[in-house]
Amino acid sequence: MTDHTSRPTADDTEALETLRRLRGSIDNIDAALVYLLAERFRATKQVGVLKAEHGMPASDPAREEQQLTRLRALAIDAELDPEFAQKWFTFVVAEVIRHHVEAAEEL
């Protein structure tokens, strides 16, 4: 499809079908990620309540550093940019800590 007036070629039709299939796969992966994140936050919410009930700090820098090291290694194994994995983890941990602080304030 080099211009808007020409008819789609077999190659164009195949490319569009491949694009549709790939986008469907991406949509499925995005849905799975949302559900996995929801499950992760349900678990971290329980951690926040436990910490609040026992007067533990919301943040655990040693644990966060261990997790960051582990996730960077996993990213490398998965052929994902470890800098991206670190940014994602830092973002998620900030949100988790915010939830933990809120849990402590509610007690």
N, C-alpha and C. Protein backbone atom coordinates (compact mmCIF):
# COMPACT_ATOMS: atom_id res chain seq x y z
N MET A 1 0.84 -1.17 0.00
CA MET A 1 0.00 0.00 0.00
C MET A 1 0.89 1.24 0.00
N THR A 2 1.37 1.59 -1.14
CA THR A 2 2.26 2.74 -1.21
C THR A 2 1.49 4.05 -1.24
N ASP A 3 0.26 4.06 -1.73
CA ASP A 3 -0.56 5.27 -1.65
C ASP A 3 -1.99 4.86 -1.33
N HIS A 4 -2.82 5.84 -1.08
CA HIS A 4 -4.18 5.56 -0.62
C HIS A 4 -5.12 5.12 -1.73
N THR A 5 -4.71 5.24 -2.99
CA THR A 5 -5.59 4.88 -4.09
C THR A 5 -5.34 3.47 -4.61
N SER A 6 -4.20 2.90 -4.27
CA SER A 6 -3.90 1.57 -4.77
C SER A 6 -4.58 0.52 -3.92
N ARG A 7 -4.79 -0.62 -4.52
CA ARG A 7 -5.42 -1.73 -3.80
C ARG A 7 -4.37 -2.43 -2.95
N PRO A 8 -4.79 -2.97 -1.79
CA PRO A 8 -3.83 -3.69 -0.96
C PRO A 8 -3.31 -4.92 -1.70
N THR A 9 -2.03 -5.14 -1.55
CA THR A 9 -1.42 -6.33 -2.15
C THR A 9 -1.53 -7.49 -1.17
N ALA A 10 -1.16 -8.67 -1.63
CA ALA A 10 -1.16 -9.84 -0.75
C ALA A 10 -0.19 -9.61 0.41
N ASP A 11 0.95 -8.96 0.10
CA ASP A 11 1.92 -8.65 1.16
C ASP A 11 1.32 -7.70 2.19
N ASP A 12 0.57 -6.70 1.70
CA ASP A 12 -0.06 -5.75 2.62
C ASP A 12 -1.09 -6.46 3.50
N THR A 13 -1.88 -7.32 2.90
CA THR A 13 -2.90 -8.05 3.64
C THR A 13 -2.25 -8.93 4.70
N GLU A 14 -1.18 -9.59 4.33
CA GLU A 14 -0.45 -10.43 5.29
C GLU A 14 0.15 -9.58 6.41
N ALA A 15 0.69 -8.43 6.06
CA ALA A 15 1.27 -7.54 7.07
C ALA A 15 0.19 -7.05 8.03
N LEU A 16 -0.97 -6.69 7.50
CA LEU A 16 -2.07 -6.23 8.36
C LEU A 16 -2.56 -7.34 9.29
N GLU A 17 -2.61 -8.55 8.78
CA GLU A 17 -3.03 -9.69 9.61
C GLU A 17 -1.98 -9.95 10.70
N THR A 18 -0.72 -9.86 10.35
CA THR A 18 0.34 -10.02 11.35
C THR A 18 0.25 -8.92 12.41
N LEU A 19 0.02 -7.70 11.96
CA LEU A 19 -0.13 -6.58 12.90
C LEU A 19 -1.31 -6.82 13.85
N ARG A 20 -2.43 -7.27 13.32
CA ARG A 20 -3.61 -7.56 14.15
C ARG A 20 -3.29 -8.64 15.18
N ARG A 21 -2.60 -9.69 14.73
CA ARG A 21 -2.26 -10.79 15.63
C ARG A 21 -1.30 -10.32 16.72
N LEU A 22 -0.29 -9.56 16.35
CA LEU A 22 0.67 -9.06 17.33
C LEU A 22 0.01 -8.13 18.34
N ARG A 23 -0.87 -7.26 17.86
CA ARG A 23 -1.58 -6.36 18.78
C ARG A 23 -2.49 -7.14 19.73
N GLY A 24 -3.10 -8.19 19.23
CA GLY A 24 -3.91 -9.04 20.11
C GLY A 24 -3.07 -9.66 21.21
N SER A 25 -1.88 -10.10 20.84
CA SER A 25 -0.96 -10.67 21.83
C SER A 25 -0.54 -9.62 22.85
N ILE A 26 -0.23 -8.42 22.37
CA ILE A 26 0.14 -7.33 23.28
C ILE A 26 -1.01 -7.02 24.23
N ASP A 27 -2.23 -6.97 23.72
CA ASP A 27 -3.40 -6.71 24.56
C ASP A 27 -3.54 -7.77 25.65
N ASN A 28 -3.33 -9.03 25.29
CA ASN A 28 -3.41 -10.11 26.27
C ASN A 28 -2.33 -9.98 27.34
N ILE A 29 -1.13 -9.64 26.91
CA ILE A 29 -0.02 -9.47 27.87
C ILE A 29 -0.32 -8.30 28.80
N ASP A 30 -0.83 -7.19 28.25
CA ASP A 30 -1.17 -6.04 29.09
C ASP A 30 -2.22 -6.42 30.13
N ALA A 31 -3.21 -7.18 29.73
CA ALA A 31 -4.24 -7.62 30.68
C ALA A 31 -3.63 -8.48 31.78
N ALA A 32 -2.75 -9.40 31.40
CA ALA A 32 -2.10 -10.25 32.40
C ALA A 32 -1.26 -9.41 33.36
N LEU A 33 -0.55 -8.42 32.83
CA LEU A 33 0.27 -7.56 33.69
C LEU A 33 -0.59 -6.80 34.70
N VAL A 34 -1.74 -6.31 34.27
CA VAL A 34 -2.63 -5.59 35.19
C VAL A 34 -3.08 -6.51 36.31
N TYR A 35 -3.48 -7.72 35.97
CA TYR A 35 -3.93 -8.66 37.00
C TYR A 35 -2.78 -9.07 37.92
N LEU A 36 -1.59 -9.25 37.37
CA LEU A 36 -0.42 -9.58 38.20
C LEU A 36 -0.07 -8.43 39.14
N LEU A 37 -0.14 -7.21 38.64
CA LEU A 37 0.13 -6.06 39.50
C LEU A 37 -0.91 -5.95 40.62
N ALA A 38 -2.15 -6.21 40.28
CA ALA A 38 -3.20 -6.18 41.30
C ALA A 38 -2.92 -7.22 42.39
N GLU A 39 -2.51 -8.41 41.98
CA GLU A 39 -2.17 -9.46 42.94
C GLU A 39 -0.98 -9.05 43.78
N ARG A 40 0.02 -8.45 43.16
CA ARG A 40 1.20 -7.99 43.89
C ARG A 40 0.81 -6.97 44.95
N PHE A 41 -0.05 -6.02 44.58
CA PHE A 41 -0.44 -4.99 45.53
C PHE A 41 -1.35 -5.53 46.63
N ARG A 42 -2.11 -6.57 46.35
CA ARG A 42 -2.88 -7.20 47.43
C ARG A 42 -1.91 -7.79 48.47
N ALA A 43 -0.84 -8.41 47.99
CA ALA A 43 0.15 -9.00 48.91
C ALA A 43 0.89 -7.90 49.68
N THR A 44 1.30 -6.84 48.98
CA THR A 44 2.05 -5.79 49.67
C THR A 44 1.15 -5.02 50.63
N LYS A 45 -0.13 -4.98 50.37
CA LYS A 45 -1.05 -4.34 51.32
C LYS A 45 -1.06 -5.12 52.63
N GLN A 46 -1.07 -6.43 52.53
CA GLN A 46 -1.01 -7.26 53.74
C GLN A 46 0.29 -7.03 54.49
N VAL A 47 1.39 -6.89 53.74
CA VAL A 47 2.69 -6.59 54.36
C VAL A 47 2.60 -5.26 55.09
N GLY A 48 1.99 -4.26 54.46
CA GLY A 48 1.85 -2.94 55.08
C GLY A 48 1.07 -2.98 56.37
N VAL A 49 -0.01 -3.73 56.38
CA VAL A 49 -0.82 -3.86 57.60
C VAL A 49 0.00 -4.55 58.69
N LEU A 50 0.68 -5.62 58.34
CA LEU A 50 1.52 -6.34 59.30
C LEU A 50 2.59 -5.43 59.89
N LYS A 51 3.27 -4.68 59.02
CA LYS A 51 4.29 -3.76 59.49
C LYS A 51 3.70 -2.71 60.42
N ALA A 52 2.55 -2.17 60.04
CA ALA A 52 1.90 -1.14 60.86
C ALA A 52 1.51 -1.69 62.23
N GLU A 53 0.96 -2.88 62.25
CA GLU A 53 0.53 -3.49 63.51
C GLU A 53 1.69 -3.75 64.45
N HIS A 54 2.88 -3.95 63.89
CA HIS A 54 4.05 -4.29 64.72
C HIS A 54 5.08 -3.16 64.79
N GLY A 55 4.67 -1.98 64.36
CA GLY A 55 5.54 -0.82 64.47
C GLY A 55 6.79 -0.88 63.62
N MET A 56 6.74 -1.64 62.55
CA MET A 56 7.90 -1.74 61.65
C MET A 56 7.89 -0.57 60.67
N PRO A 57 9.06 -0.16 60.21
CA PRO A 57 9.10 0.95 59.24
C PRO A 57 8.47 0.55 57.90
N ALA A 58 7.90 1.54 57.23
CA ALA A 58 7.25 1.29 55.94
C ALA A 58 8.26 0.84 54.89
N SER A 59 9.46 1.37 54.98
CA SER A 59 10.49 1.06 54.00
C SER A 59 11.53 0.11 54.59
N ASP A 60 12.04 -0.78 53.74
CA ASP A 60 13.10 -1.71 54.13
C ASP A 60 14.20 -1.61 53.07
N PRO A 61 15.11 -0.65 53.21
CA PRO A 61 16.12 -0.41 52.18
C PRO A 61 16.97 -1.64 51.84
N ALA A 62 17.30 -2.46 52.83
CA ALA A 62 18.10 -3.65 52.54
C ALA A 62 17.33 -4.62 51.64
N ARG A 63 16.06 -4.84 51.95
CA ARG A 63 15.21 -5.71 51.13
C ARG A 63 15.06 -5.13 49.73
N GLU A 64 14.85 -3.83 49.65
CA GLU A 64 14.67 -3.19 48.35
C GLU A 64 15.93 -3.34 47.49
N GLU A 65 17.09 -3.20 48.11
CA GLU A 65 18.35 -3.35 47.37
C GLU A 65 18.53 -4.79 46.88
N GLN A 66 18.19 -5.77 47.74
CA GLN A 66 18.27 -7.17 47.34
C GLN A 66 17.34 -7.45 46.15
N GLN A 67 16.13 -6.92 46.24
CA GLN A 67 15.16 -7.13 45.17
C GLN A 67 15.63 -6.46 43.88
N LEU A 68 16.17 -5.27 44.00
CA LEU A 68 16.65 -4.56 42.83
C LEU A 68 17.76 -5.34 42.13
N THR A 69 18.70 -5.85 42.90
CA THR A 69 19.78 -6.66 42.34
C THR A 69 19.22 -7.90 41.66
N ARG A 70 18.29 -8.56 42.31
CA ARG A 70 17.67 -9.77 41.76
C ARG A 70 16.91 -9.46 40.46
N LEU A 71 16.14 -8.38 40.47
CA LEU A 71 15.34 -8.04 39.29
C LEU A 71 16.21 -7.58 38.12
N ARG A 72 17.31 -6.91 38.40
CA ARG A 72 18.22 -6.52 37.32
C ARG A 72 18.82 -7.78 36.67
N ALA A 73 19.18 -8.76 37.48
CA ALA A 73 19.72 -10.01 36.94
C ALA A 73 18.65 -10.75 36.13
N LEU A 74 17.43 -10.78 36.63
CA LEU A 74 16.34 -11.41 35.88
C LEU A 74 16.11 -10.70 34.55
N ALA A 75 16.18 -9.38 34.58
CA ALA A 75 15.99 -8.60 33.35
C ALA A 75 17.06 -8.97 32.33
N ILE A 76 18.28 -9.07 32.77
CA ILE A 76 19.37 -9.44 31.85
C ILE A 76 19.10 -10.82 31.26
N ASP A 77 18.71 -11.77 32.12
CA ASP A 77 18.40 -13.13 31.64
C ASP A 77 17.24 -13.12 30.64
N ALA A 78 16.28 -12.22 30.86
CA ALA A 78 15.10 -12.14 30.00
C ALA A 78 15.32 -11.25 28.78
N GLU A 79 16.52 -10.72 28.65
CA GLU A 79 16.85 -9.81 27.56
C GLU A 79 15.97 -8.56 27.59
N LEU A 80 15.76 -8.05 28.82
CA LEU A 80 15.06 -6.79 29.06
C LEU A 80 16.08 -5.81 29.60
N ASP A 81 15.98 -4.58 29.21
CA ASP A 81 16.91 -3.56 29.68
C ASP A 81 16.85 -3.48 31.20
N PRO A 82 17.96 -3.76 31.91
CA PRO A 82 17.94 -3.72 33.37
C PRO A 82 17.64 -2.33 33.92
N GLU A 83 17.98 -1.28 33.16
CA GLU A 83 17.64 0.09 33.59
C GLU A 83 16.13 0.28 33.60
N PHE A 84 15.45 -0.29 32.60
CA PHE A 84 13.99 -0.22 32.57
C PHE A 84 13.41 -0.99 33.76
N ALA A 85 13.94 -2.18 34.03
CA ALA A 85 13.46 -2.98 35.16
C ALA A 85 13.64 -2.21 36.46
N GLN A 86 14.77 -1.51 36.59
CA GLN A 86 15.03 -0.73 37.80
C GLN A 86 14.03 0.42 37.92
N LYS A 87 13.76 1.11 36.82
CA LYS A 87 12.78 2.21 36.86
C LYS A 87 11.40 1.69 37.27
N TRP A 88 11.02 0.57 36.70
CA TRP A 88 9.72 -0.02 37.03
C TRP A 88 9.67 -0.37 38.52
N PHE A 89 10.72 -1.03 39.00
CA PHE A 89 10.75 -1.45 40.40
C PHE A 89 10.73 -0.25 41.33
N THR A 90 11.49 0.77 41.01
CA THR A 90 11.53 1.98 41.84
C THR A 90 10.15 2.62 41.91
N PHE A 91 9.46 2.67 40.79
CA PHE A 91 8.11 3.22 40.75
C PHE A 91 7.15 2.41 41.62
N VAL A 92 7.21 1.09 41.48
CA VAL A 92 6.32 0.21 42.25
C VAL A 92 6.62 0.32 43.74
N VAL A 93 7.89 0.31 44.11
CA VAL A 93 8.26 0.39 45.53
C VAL A 93 7.79 1.71 46.14
N ALA A 94 7.89 2.79 45.42
CA ALA A 94 7.41 4.08 45.93
C ALA A 94 5.92 4.01 46.23
N GLU A 95 5.17 3.36 45.37
CA GLU A 95 3.73 3.21 45.59
C GLU A 95 3.45 2.29 46.77
N VAL A 96 4.21 1.22 46.88
CA VAL A 96 4.05 0.29 48.01
C VAL A 96 4.34 1.01 49.33
N ILE A 97 5.40 1.77 49.38
CA ILE A 97 5.76 2.50 50.61
C ILE A 97 4.64 3.49 50.96
N ARG A 98 4.10 4.16 49.96
CA ARG A 98 2.99 5.08 50.21
C ARG A 98 1.81 4.33 50.84
N HIS A 99 1.52 3.15 50.34
CA HIS A 99 0.44 2.33 50.92
C HIS A 99 0.78 1.93 52.35
N HIS A 100 2.04 1.58 52.60
CA HIS A 100 2.44 1.18 53.95
C HIS A 100 2.31 2.34 54.93
N VAL A 101 2.68 3.52 54.50
CA VAL A 101 2.55 4.71 55.35
C VAL A 101 1.07 4.96 55.65
N GLU A 102 0.22 4.84 54.64
CA GLU A 102 -1.21 5.01 54.87
C GLU A 102 -1.74 3.97 55.84
N ALA A 103 -1.28 2.73 55.75
CA ALA A 103 -1.74 1.68 56.65
C ALA A 103 -1.35 2.02 58.09
N ALA A 104 -0.15 2.54 58.27
CA ALA A 104 0.31 2.92 59.62
C ALA A 104 -0.51 4.08 60.16
N GLU A 105 -0.87 5.01 59.31
CA GLU A 105 -1.66 6.17 59.74
C GLU A 105 -3.09 5.79 60.11
N GLU A 106 -3.59 4.71 59.55
CA GLU A 106 -4.96 4.27 59.82
C GLU A 106 -5.09 3.57 61.15
N LEU A 107 -3.97 3.16 61.76
CA LEU A 107 -4.04 2.46 63.05
C LEU A 107 -4.11 3.43 64.20
